[in-house]
């Protein structure tokens, strides 16, 4: 006999899958928690999780910073779009995109038309605190994180707002954010 929690998860997964079996794609600025939240959301729904940046590094056999340095951002974005298209195979999964993926017109159109798109957002100070923990983000190399995030937010936030669902990833426990996502996409 299933516990109440197992039944809730099974019912939630079934309900989400009946919405055309569309993947759940997380978009937003670097540092909002797309990967962390995505992994936990996928585990909660018992579906696969895919990080687009990880898939790109596997496909290209080099890390993202090297791709940017050797081939430029345009080449990276083209590869990113191709990876996202490949991942949208009609199977239920949670996908975390890189911060710039949804900004690209072709990529955004593919995501919006084929998925349930969730914009994860947080305050400037929270994002800066999170991205300052590691130095692997190409757009931040040699620059002040607060300045970069401020500039990017002005351009990107209106585009991220095109996502179907908007979820704030403040400093509350991840489980609360996951609950907000599940409630939003289950309606």
C-alpha atoms as a PDB file:
ATOM      1  CA  UNK A   1       0.000   0.000   0.000  1.00  0.00           C
ATOM      2  CA  UNK A   2       1.360   3.425  -0.949  1.00  0.00           C
ATOM      3  CA  UNK A   3       1.989   6.014   1.719  1.00  0.00           C
ATOM      4  CA  UNK A   4       0.173   9.336   1.414  1.00  0.00           C
ATOM      5  CA  UNK A   5       3.398  11.023   0.195  1.00  0.00           C
ATOM      6  CA  UNK A   6       4.041   8.307  -2.431  1.00  0.00           C
ATOM      7  CA  UNK A   7       0.440   8.588  -3.642  1.00  0.00           C
ATOM      8  CA  UNK A   8       0.757  12.401  -3.823  1.00  0.00           C
ATOM      9  CA  UNK A   9       3.950  12.124  -5.876  1.00  0.00           C
ATOM     10  CA  UNK A  10       2.422   9.490  -8.176  1.00  0.00           C
ATOM     11  CA  UNK A  11      -0.754  11.557  -8.627  1.00  0.00           C
ATOM     12  CA  UNK A  12       1.252  14.748  -9.241  1.00  0.00           C
ATOM     13  CA  UNK A  13       3.514  13.026 -11.774  1.00  0.00           C
ATOM     14  CA  UNK A  14       0.488  11.535 -13.573  1.00  0.00           C
ATOM     15  CA  UNK A  15      -1.268  14.911 -13.618  1.00  0.00           C
ATOM     16  CA  UNK A  16       1.816  16.643 -15.015  1.00  0.00           C
ATOM     17  CA  UNK A  17       2.397  13.942 -17.634  1.00  0.00           C
ATOM     18  CA  UNK A  18      -1.149  14.233 -18.892  1.00  0.00           C
ATOM     19  CA  UNK A  19      -0.414  17.850 -19.813  1.00  0.00           C
ATOM     20  CA  UNK A  20       0.926  16.664 -23.178  1.00  0.00           C
ATOM     21  CA  UNK A  21       3.950  14.964 -21.585  1.00  0.00           C
ATOM     22  CA  UNK A  22       5.801  18.234 -21.917  1.00  0.00           C
ATOM     23  CA  UNK A  23       9.126  18.696 -20.219  1.00  0.00           C
ATOM     24  CA  UNK A  24       9.483  21.288 -17.494  1.00  0.00           C
ATOM     25  CA  UNK A  25      12.192  23.767 -18.483  1.00  0.00           C
ATOM     26  CA  UNK A  26      13.739  26.096 -15.916  1.00  0.00           C
ATOM     27  CA  UNK A  27      15.018  29.439 -17.191  1.00  0.00           C
ATOM     28  CA  UNK A  28      16.513  32.460 -15.463  1.00  0.00           C
ATOM     29  CA  UNK A  29      19.687  34.250 -14.484  1.00  0.00           C
ATOM     30  CA  UNK A  30      22.783  32.425 -13.388  1.00  0.00           C
ATOM     31  CA  UNK A  31      22.618  31.781  -9.670  1.00  0.00           C
ATOM     32  CA  UNK A  32      18.840  31.521  -9.270  1.00  0.00           C
ATOM     33  CA  UNK A  33      19.040  27.783  -8.596  1.00  0.00           C
ATOM     34  CA  UNK A  34      17.991  26.193 -11.878  1.00  0.00           C
ATOM     35  CA  UNK A  35      20.271  23.179 -11.424  1.00  0.00           C
ATOM     36  CA  UNK A  36      19.762  22.716  -7.687  1.00  0.00           C
ATOM     37  CA  UNK A  37      15.992  23.147  -7.859  1.00  0.00           C
ATOM     38  CA  UNK A  38      15.789  21.168 -11.096  1.00  0.00           C
ATOM     39  CA  UNK A  39      17.520  18.110  -9.621  1.00  0.00           C
ATOM     40  CA  UNK A  40      15.257  18.124  -6.599  1.00  0.00           C
ATOM     41  CA  UNK A  41      12.102  18.730  -8.636  1.00  0.00           C
ATOM     42  CA  UNK A  42      12.981  15.837 -10.944  1.00  0.00           C
ATOM     43  CA  UNK A  43      13.676  13.557  -7.973  1.00  0.00           C
ATOM     44  CA  UNK A  44      10.388  14.583  -6.397  1.00  0.00           C
ATOM     45  CA  UNK A  45       8.511  13.766  -9.616  1.00  0.00           C
ATOM     46  CA  UNK A  46      10.628  10.673 -10.262  1.00  0.00           C
ATOM     47  CA  UNK A  47      11.591  11.834 -13.759  1.00  0.00           C
ATOM     48  CA  UNK A  48      15.006  12.444 -15.353  1.00  0.00           C
ATOM     49  CA  UNK A  49      16.883  15.700 -14.798  1.00  0.00           C
ATOM     50  CA  UNK A  50      19.097  17.215 -17.488  1.00  0.00           C
ATOM     51  CA  UNK A  51      21.370  20.228 -17.190  1.00  0.00           C
ATOM     52  CA  UNK A  52      21.854  21.751 -20.652  1.00  0.00           C
ATOM     53  CA  UNK A  53      25.317  23.077 -19.747  1.00  0.00           C
ATOM     54  CA  UNK A  54      26.429  19.557 -18.774  1.00  0.00           C
ATOM     55  CA  UNK A  55      25.056  18.166 -22.031  1.00  0.00           C
ATOM     56  CA  UNK A  56      26.926  20.826 -24.007  1.00  0.00           C
ATOM     57  CA  UNK A  57      30.228  20.037 -22.304  1.00  0.00           C
ATOM     58  CA  UNK A  58      29.732  16.342 -23.037  1.00  0.00           C
ATOM     59  CA  UNK A  59      28.795  16.986 -26.691  1.00  0.00           C
ATOM     60  CA  UNK A  60      31.675  19.423 -27.273  1.00  0.00           C
ATOM     61  CA  UNK A  61      34.152  17.522 -25.100  1.00  0.00           C
ATOM     62  CA  UNK A  62      35.228  20.815 -23.505  1.00  0.00           C
ATOM     63  CA  UNK A  63      33.963  23.062 -20.767  1.00  0.00           C
ATOM     64  CA  UNK A  64      31.797  26.091 -21.439  1.00  0.00           C
ATOM     65  CA  UNK A  65      34.508  28.640 -20.665  1.00  0.00           C
ATOM     66  CA  UNK A  66      36.747  26.981 -23.289  1.00  0.00           C
ATOM     67  CA  UNK A  67      33.940  26.962 -25.857  1.00  0.00           C
ATOM     68  CA  UNK A  68      33.386  30.696 -25.285  1.00  0.00           C
ATOM     69  CA  UNK A  69      37.113  31.398 -25.501  1.00  0.00           C
ATOM     70  CA  UNK A  70      37.909  29.241 -28.551  1.00  0.00           C
ATOM     71  CA  UNK A  71      34.715  29.587 -30.597  1.00  0.00           C
ATOM     72  CA  UNK A  72      32.810  32.589 -29.224  1.00  0.00           C
ATOM     73  CA  UNK A  73      29.360  33.035 -27.756  1.00  0.00           C
ATOM     74  CA  UNK A  74      27.503  32.696 -31.080  1.00  0.00           C
ATOM     75  CA  UNK A  75      28.946  29.213 -31.661  1.00  0.00           C
ATOM     76  CA  UNK A  76      28.093  28.256 -28.067  1.00  0.00           C
ATOM     77  CA  UNK A  77      24.488  29.494 -28.412  1.00  0.00           C
ATOM     78  CA  UNK A  78      24.014  27.536 -31.646  1.00  0.00           C
ATOM     79  CA  UNK A  79      25.207  24.348 -29.947  1.00  0.00           C
ATOM     80  CA  UNK A  80      23.046  25.115 -26.927  1.00  0.00           C
ATOM     81  CA  UNK A  81      19.931  25.395 -29.128  1.00  0.00           C
ATOM     82  CA  UNK A  82      20.739  22.077 -30.841  1.00  0.00           C
ATOM     83  CA  UNK A  83      21.166  20.328 -27.491  1.00  0.00           C
ATOM     84  CA  UNK A  84      17.836  21.724 -26.244  1.00  0.00           C
ATOM     85  CA  UNK A  85      16.078  20.577 -29.441  1.00  0.00           C
ATOM     86  CA  UNK A  86      17.510  17.081 -28.952  1.00  0.00           C
ATOM     87  CA  UNK A  87      16.360  16.974 -25.328  1.00  0.00           C
ATOM     88  CA  UNK A  88      12.773  17.894 -26.226  1.00  0.00           C
ATOM     89  CA  UNK A  89      11.821  14.378 -27.255  1.00  0.00           C
ATOM     90  CA  UNK A  90       8.284  14.361 -25.844  1.00  0.00           C
ATOM     91  CA  UNK A  91       9.326  12.558 -22.675  1.00  0.00           C
ATOM     92  CA  UNK A  92       8.619  13.994 -19.252  1.00  0.00           C
ATOM     93  CA  UNK A  93      11.778  15.413 -17.648  1.00  0.00           C
ATOM     94  CA  UNK A  94      13.092  18.509 -15.916  1.00  0.00           C
ATOM     95  CA  UNK A  95      15.619  20.572 -17.877  1.00  0.00           C
ATOM     96  CA  UNK A  96      17.794  23.370 -16.491  1.00  0.00           C
ATOM     97  CA  UNK A  97      19.019  25.810 -19.139  1.00  0.00           C
ATOM     98  CA  UNK A  98      21.969  28.152 -19.025  1.00  0.00           C
ATOM     99  CA  UNK A  99      21.191  31.778 -18.176  1.00  0.00           C
ATOM    100  CA  UNK A 100      21.477  32.981 -21.766  1.00  0.00           C
ATOM    101  CA  UNK A 101      19.598  30.178 -23.537  1.00  0.00           C
ATOM    102  CA  UNK A 102      16.113  31.703 -23.256  1.00  0.00           C
ATOM    103  CA  UNK A 103      17.416  35.077 -24.485  1.00  0.00           C
ATOM    104  CA  UNK A 104      18.059  33.658 -27.956  1.00  0.00           C
ATOM    105  CA  UNK A 105      14.970  34.089 -30.158  1.00  0.00           C
ATOM    106  CA  UNK A 106      15.092  30.658 -31.852  1.00  0.00           C
ATOM    107  CA  UNK A 107      15.837  28.820 -28.625  1.00  0.00           C
ATOM    108  CA  UNK A 108      13.128  30.682 -26.706  1.00  0.00           C
ATOM    109  CA  UNK A 109      10.538  29.880 -29.372  1.00  0.00           C
ATOM    110  CA  UNK A 110      11.432  26.184 -29.258  1.00  0.00           C
ATOM    111  CA  UNK A 111      11.218  26.138 -25.466  1.00  0.00           C
ATOM    112  CA  UNK A 112       7.925  28.057 -25.201  1.00  0.00           C
ATOM    113  CA  UNK A 113       6.201  26.016 -27.916  1.00  0.00           C
ATOM    114  CA  UNK A 114       7.285  22.616 -26.586  1.00  0.00           C
ATOM    115  CA  UNK A 115       7.544  22.809 -22.796  1.00  0.00           C
ATOM    116  CA  UNK A 116       6.153  24.129 -19.578  1.00  0.00           C
ATOM    117  CA  UNK A 117       8.564  26.983 -18.977  1.00  0.00           C
ATOM    118  CA  UNK A 118       9.333  28.179 -15.450  1.00  0.00           C
ATOM    119  CA  UNK A 119      11.227  31.421 -14.814  1.00  0.00           C
ATOM    120  CA  UNK A 120      13.145  31.135 -11.570  1.00  0.00           C
ATOM    121  CA  UNK A 121      14.095  34.554 -10.254  1.00  0.00           C
ATOM    122  CA  UNK A 122      15.684  36.015  -7.132  1.00  0.00           C
ATOM    123  CA  UNK A 123      16.782  39.380  -5.811  1.00  0.00           C
ATOM    124  CA  UNK A 124      19.995  40.947  -7.077  1.00  0.00           C
ATOM    125  CA  UNK A 125      21.736  40.506  -3.711  1.00  0.00           C
ATOM    126  CA  UNK A 126      20.863  36.813  -3.485  1.00  0.00           C
ATOM    127  CA  UNK A 127      22.082  36.154  -7.036  1.00  0.00           C
ATOM    128  CA  UNK A 128      25.343  38.024  -6.429  1.00  0.00           C
ATOM    129  CA  UNK A 129      25.916  36.074  -3.208  1.00  0.00           C
ATOM    130  CA  UNK A 130      25.326  32.769  -5.004  1.00  0.00           C
ATOM    131  CA  UNK A 131      27.438  33.454  -8.111  1.00  0.00           C
ATOM    132  CA  UNK A 132      30.321  34.781  -6.032  1.00  0.00           C
ATOM    133  CA  UNK A 133      30.818  31.309  -4.515  1.00  0.00           C
ATOM    134  CA  UNK A 134      32.601  29.990  -7.640  1.00  0.00           C
ATOM    135  CA  UNK A 135      34.437  31.464 -10.593  1.00  0.00           C
ATOM    136  CA  UNK A 136      33.334  29.162 -13.420  1.00  0.00           C
ATOM    137  CA  UNK A 137      30.927  31.543 -15.138  1.00  0.00           C
ATOM    138  CA  UNK A 138      32.403  32.963 -18.366  1.00  0.00           C
ATOM    139  CA  UNK A 139      30.351  36.172 -18.276  1.00  0.00           C
ATOM    140  CA  UNK A 140      31.780  37.049 -14.860  1.00  0.00           C
ATOM    141  CA  UNK A 141      35.489  36.512 -15.569  1.00  0.00           C
ATOM    142  CA  UNK A 142      37.437  39.562 -14.453  1.00  0.00           C
ATOM    143  CA  UNK A 143      34.300  41.613 -13.740  1.00  0.00           C
ATOM    144  CA  UNK A 144      32.323  42.721 -10.710  1.00  0.00           C
ATOM    145  CA  UNK A 145      29.459  40.199 -10.271  1.00  0.00           C
ATOM    146  CA  UNK A 146      27.006  42.826  -8.997  1.00  0.00           C
ATOM    147  CA  UNK A 147      27.659  45.045 -12.007  1.00  0.00           C
ATOM    148  CA  UNK A 148      27.308  42.155 -14.479  1.00  0.00           C
ATOM    149  CA  UNK A 149      24.117  40.797 -12.878  1.00  0.00           C
ATOM    150  CA  UNK A 150      22.603  44.291 -12.796  1.00  0.00           C
ATOM    151  CA  UNK A 151      23.351  44.816 -16.505  1.00  0.00           C
ATOM    152  CA  UNK A 152      22.139  41.371 -17.524  1.00  0.00           C
ATOM    153  CA  UNK A 153      18.958  41.653 -15.440  1.00  0.00           C
ATOM    154  CA  UNK A 154      17.907  44.851 -17.208  1.00  0.00           C
ATOM    155  CA  UNK A 155      18.094  43.097 -20.565  1.00  0.00           C
ATOM    156  CA  UNK A 156      17.103  39.564 -19.637  1.00  0.00           C
ATOM    157  CA  UNK A 157      14.328  39.882 -17.050  1.00  0.00           C
ATOM    158  CA  UNK A 158      11.738  41.206 -19.534  1.00  0.00           C
ATOM    159  CA  UNK A 159      12.558  38.232 -21.768  1.00  0.00           C
ATOM    160  CA  UNK A 160      12.487  35.696 -18.922  1.00  0.00           C
ATOM    161  CA  UNK A 161       9.061  37.130 -18.065  1.00  0.00           C
ATOM    162  CA  UNK A 162       7.776  35.509 -21.296  1.00  0.00           C
ATOM    163  CA  UNK A 163       7.926  32.144 -19.484  1.00  0.00           C
ATOM    164  CA  UNK A 164       4.571  30.641 -18.564  1.00  0.00           C
ATOM    165  CA  UNK A 165       5.280  30.449 -14.845  1.00  0.00           C
ATOM    166  CA  UNK A 166       7.217  32.805 -12.543  1.00  0.00           C
ATOM    167  CA  UNK A 167       8.700  31.457  -9.299  1.00  0.00           C
ATOM    168  CA  UNK A 168      10.824  33.395  -6.797  1.00  0.00           C
ATOM    169  CA  UNK A 169      13.777  31.426  -5.419  1.00  0.00           C
ATOM    170  CA  UNK A 170      14.489  33.425  -2.315  1.00  0.00           C
ATOM    171  CA  UNK A 171      16.345  32.055   0.724  1.00  0.00           C
ATOM    172  CA  UNK A 172      13.501  29.751   1.760  1.00  0.00           C
ATOM    173  CA  UNK A 173      14.133  25.974   1.748  1.00  0.00           C
ATOM    174  CA  UNK A 174      14.310  24.355  -1.683  1.00  0.00           C
ATOM    175  CA  UNK A 175      11.277  22.228  -0.889  1.00  0.00           C
ATOM    176  CA  UNK A 176       9.106  25.353  -0.659  1.00  0.00           C
ATOM    177  CA  UNK A 177      10.281  26.462  -4.105  1.00  0.00           C
ATOM    178  CA  UNK A 178       9.569  23.000  -5.495  1.00  0.00           C
ATOM    179  CA  UNK A 179       6.081  23.103  -3.977  1.00  0.00           C
ATOM    180  CA  UNK A 180       5.466  26.500  -5.637  1.00  0.00           C
ATOM    181  CA  UNK A 181       6.541  25.079  -9.010  1.00  0.00           C
ATOM    182  CA  UNK A 182       4.367  21.984  -8.692  1.00  0.00           C
ATOM    183  CA  UNK A 183       1.327  24.043  -7.655  1.00  0.00           C
ATOM    184  CA  UNK A 184       1.854  26.494 -10.544  1.00  0.00           C
ATOM    185  CA  UNK A 185       2.274  23.933 -13.315  1.00  0.00           C
ATOM    186  CA  UNK A 186      -0.472  21.666 -11.996  1.00  0.00           C
ATOM    187  CA  UNK A 187      -3.199  24.254 -12.504  1.00  0.00           C
END
